[in-house]
Amino acid sequence: MAKSNNSYIKKQKEAVKKRKKQDKAEKKTERQKNSLGSDLEHMLAYVDEYGNLSDTPPEPKVVPKNTAPKN
């Protein structure tokens, strides 16, 4: 009787699985190397009074004090 191809197929599947795992690990290390980090500053976005997003915080508004006495 001829030997089954099952062992050959199993080896091929195992090799493919190992290659995929290695590729995934390489991609992970590449992402970590190129990452800006998870600092809170990098994740914040500010909205101005017109609804536009920006990376810099808005300047605080100067509100003049009312000097007139209240009745």
C-alpha atoms as a PDB file:
ATOM      1  CA  MET A   1       0.000   0.000   0.000  1.00  0.00           C
ATOM      2  CA  ALA A   2       1.083   3.547  -0.690  1.00  0.00           C
ATOM      3  CA  LYS A   3       1.745   5.955   2.152  1.00  0.00           C
ATOM      4  CA  SER A   4      -0.920   8.585   2.751  1.00  0.00           C
ATOM      5  CA  ASN A   5      -0.277  12.207   1.863  1.00  0.00           C
ATOM      6  CA  ASN A   6      -1.679  13.297   5.217  1.00  0.00           C
ATOM      7  CA  SER A   7       1.727  13.730   6.829  1.00  0.00           C
ATOM      8  CA  TYR A   8       2.925  15.862   3.895  1.00  0.00           C
ATOM      9  CA  ILE A   9      -0.195  18.030   4.059  1.00  0.00           C
ATOM     10  CA  LYS A  10       0.184  18.422   7.816  1.00  0.00           C
ATOM     11  CA  LYS A  11       3.799  19.559   7.401  1.00  0.00           C
ATOM     12  CA  GLN A  12       2.781  22.065   4.730  1.00  0.00           C
ATOM     13  CA  LYS A  13      -0.014  23.478   6.891  1.00  0.00           C
ATOM     14  CA  GLU A  14       2.353  23.719   9.855  1.00  0.00           C
ATOM     15  CA  ALA A  15       4.937  25.568   7.722  1.00  0.00           C
ATOM     16  CA  VAL A  16       2.306  28.028   6.460  1.00  0.00           C
ATOM     17  CA  LYS A  17       1.048  28.606   9.993  1.00  0.00           C
ATOM     18  CA  LYS A  18       4.602  29.196  11.248  1.00  0.00           C
ATOM     19  CA  ARG A  19       5.319  31.648   8.406  1.00  0.00           C
ATOM     20  CA  LYS A  20       2.114  33.599   9.108  1.00  0.00           C
ATOM     21  CA  LYS A  21       2.951  33.791  12.811  1.00  0.00           C
ATOM     22  CA  GLN A  22       6.442  35.061  12.019  1.00  0.00           C
ATOM     23  CA  ASP A  23       5.085  37.687   9.593  1.00  0.00           C
ATOM     24  CA  LYS A  24       2.602  38.846  12.195  1.00  0.00           C
ATOM     25  CA  ALA A  25       5.362  39.196  14.808  1.00  0.00           C
ATOM     26  CA  GLU A  26       7.489  41.217  12.362  1.00  0.00           C
ATOM     27  CA  LYS A  27       4.577  43.550  11.602  1.00  0.00           C
ATOM     28  CA  LYS A  28       3.941  43.994  15.321  1.00  0.00           C
ATOM     29  CA  THR A  29       7.544  44.978  16.049  1.00  0.00           C
ATOM     30  CA  GLU A  30       7.528  47.361  13.063  1.00  0.00           C
ATOM     31  CA  ARG A  31       4.364  49.070  14.354  1.00  0.00           C
ATOM     32  CA  GLN A  32       5.851  49.384  17.823  1.00  0.00           C
ATOM     33  CA  LYS A  33       9.058  50.847  16.426  1.00  0.00           C
ATOM     34  CA  ASN A  34       7.210  53.467  14.343  1.00  0.00           C
ATOM     35  CA  SER A  35       4.666  54.283  17.028  1.00  0.00           C
ATOM     36  CA  LEU A  36       4.401  57.781  18.477  1.00  0.00           C
ATOM     37  CA  GLY A  37       3.458  56.321  21.804  1.00  0.00           C
ATOM     38  CA  SER A  38       0.279  56.386  23.764  1.00  0.00           C
ATOM     39  CA  ASP A  39       0.804  59.746  25.434  1.00  0.00           C
ATOM     40  CA  LEU A  40      -2.359  61.622  26.205  1.00  0.00           C
ATOM     41  CA  GLU A  41      -1.026  64.668  24.343  1.00  0.00           C
ATOM     42  CA  HIS A  42      -0.903  62.747  21.069  1.00  0.00           C
ATOM     43  CA  MET A  43      -4.496  61.586  21.458  1.00  0.00           C
ATOM     44  CA  LEU A  44      -6.131  64.938  22.311  1.00  0.00           C
ATOM     45  CA  ALA A  45      -7.930  67.108  19.799  1.00  0.00           C
ATOM     46  CA  TYR A  46      -9.380  70.513  20.618  1.00  0.00           C
ATOM     47  CA  VAL A  47     -12.491  72.094  19.108  1.00  0.00           C
ATOM     48  CA  ASP A  48     -12.538  75.856  18.577  1.00  0.00           C
ATOM     49  CA  GLU A  49     -15.598  78.087  18.656  1.00  0.00           C
ATOM     50  CA  TYR A  50     -16.233  77.477  14.960  1.00  0.00           C
ATOM     51  CA  GLY A  51     -16.198  73.683  15.293  1.00  0.00           C
ATOM     52  CA  ASN A  52     -12.765  73.111  13.746  1.00  0.00           C
ATOM     53  CA  LEU A  53     -10.414  70.493  15.202  1.00  0.00           C
ATOM     54  CA  SER A  54      -6.839  71.406  16.097  1.00  0.00           C
ATOM     55  CA  ASP A  55      -3.874  69.953  17.974  1.00  0.00           C
ATOM     56  CA  THR A  56      -3.189  73.089  20.020  1.00  0.00           C
ATOM     57  CA  PRO A  57      -5.400  74.132  22.918  1.00  0.00           C
ATOM     58  CA  PRO A  58      -7.416  77.315  22.435  1.00  0.00           C
ATOM     59  CA  GLU A  59      -6.190  80.509  24.032  1.00  0.00           C
ATOM     60  CA  PRO A  60      -8.170  81.395  27.152  1.00  0.00           C
ATOM     61  CA  LYS A  61     -10.698  84.171  26.669  1.00  0.00           C
ATOM     62  CA  VAL A  62     -10.190  87.346  28.663  1.00  0.00           C
ATOM     63  CA  VAL A  63     -13.470  88.350  30.246  1.00  0.00           C
ATOM     64  CA  PRO A  64     -13.498  91.899  31.618  1.00  0.00           C
ATOM     65  CA  LYS A  65     -14.863  92.208  35.128  1.00  0.00           C
ATOM     66  CA  ASN A  66     -17.992  94.236  35.610  1.00  0.00           C
ATOM     67  CA  THR A  67     -17.039  97.101  37.934  1.00  0.00           C
ATOM     68  CA  ALA A  68     -20.555  98.480  38.319  1.00  0.00           C
ATOM     69  CA  PRO A  69     -22.137  97.578  41.679  1.00  0.00           C
ATOM     70  CA  LYS A  70     -25.272  95.503  41.617  1.00  0.00           C
ATOM     71  CA  ASN A  71     -28.456  96.855  43.270  1.00  0.00           C
END
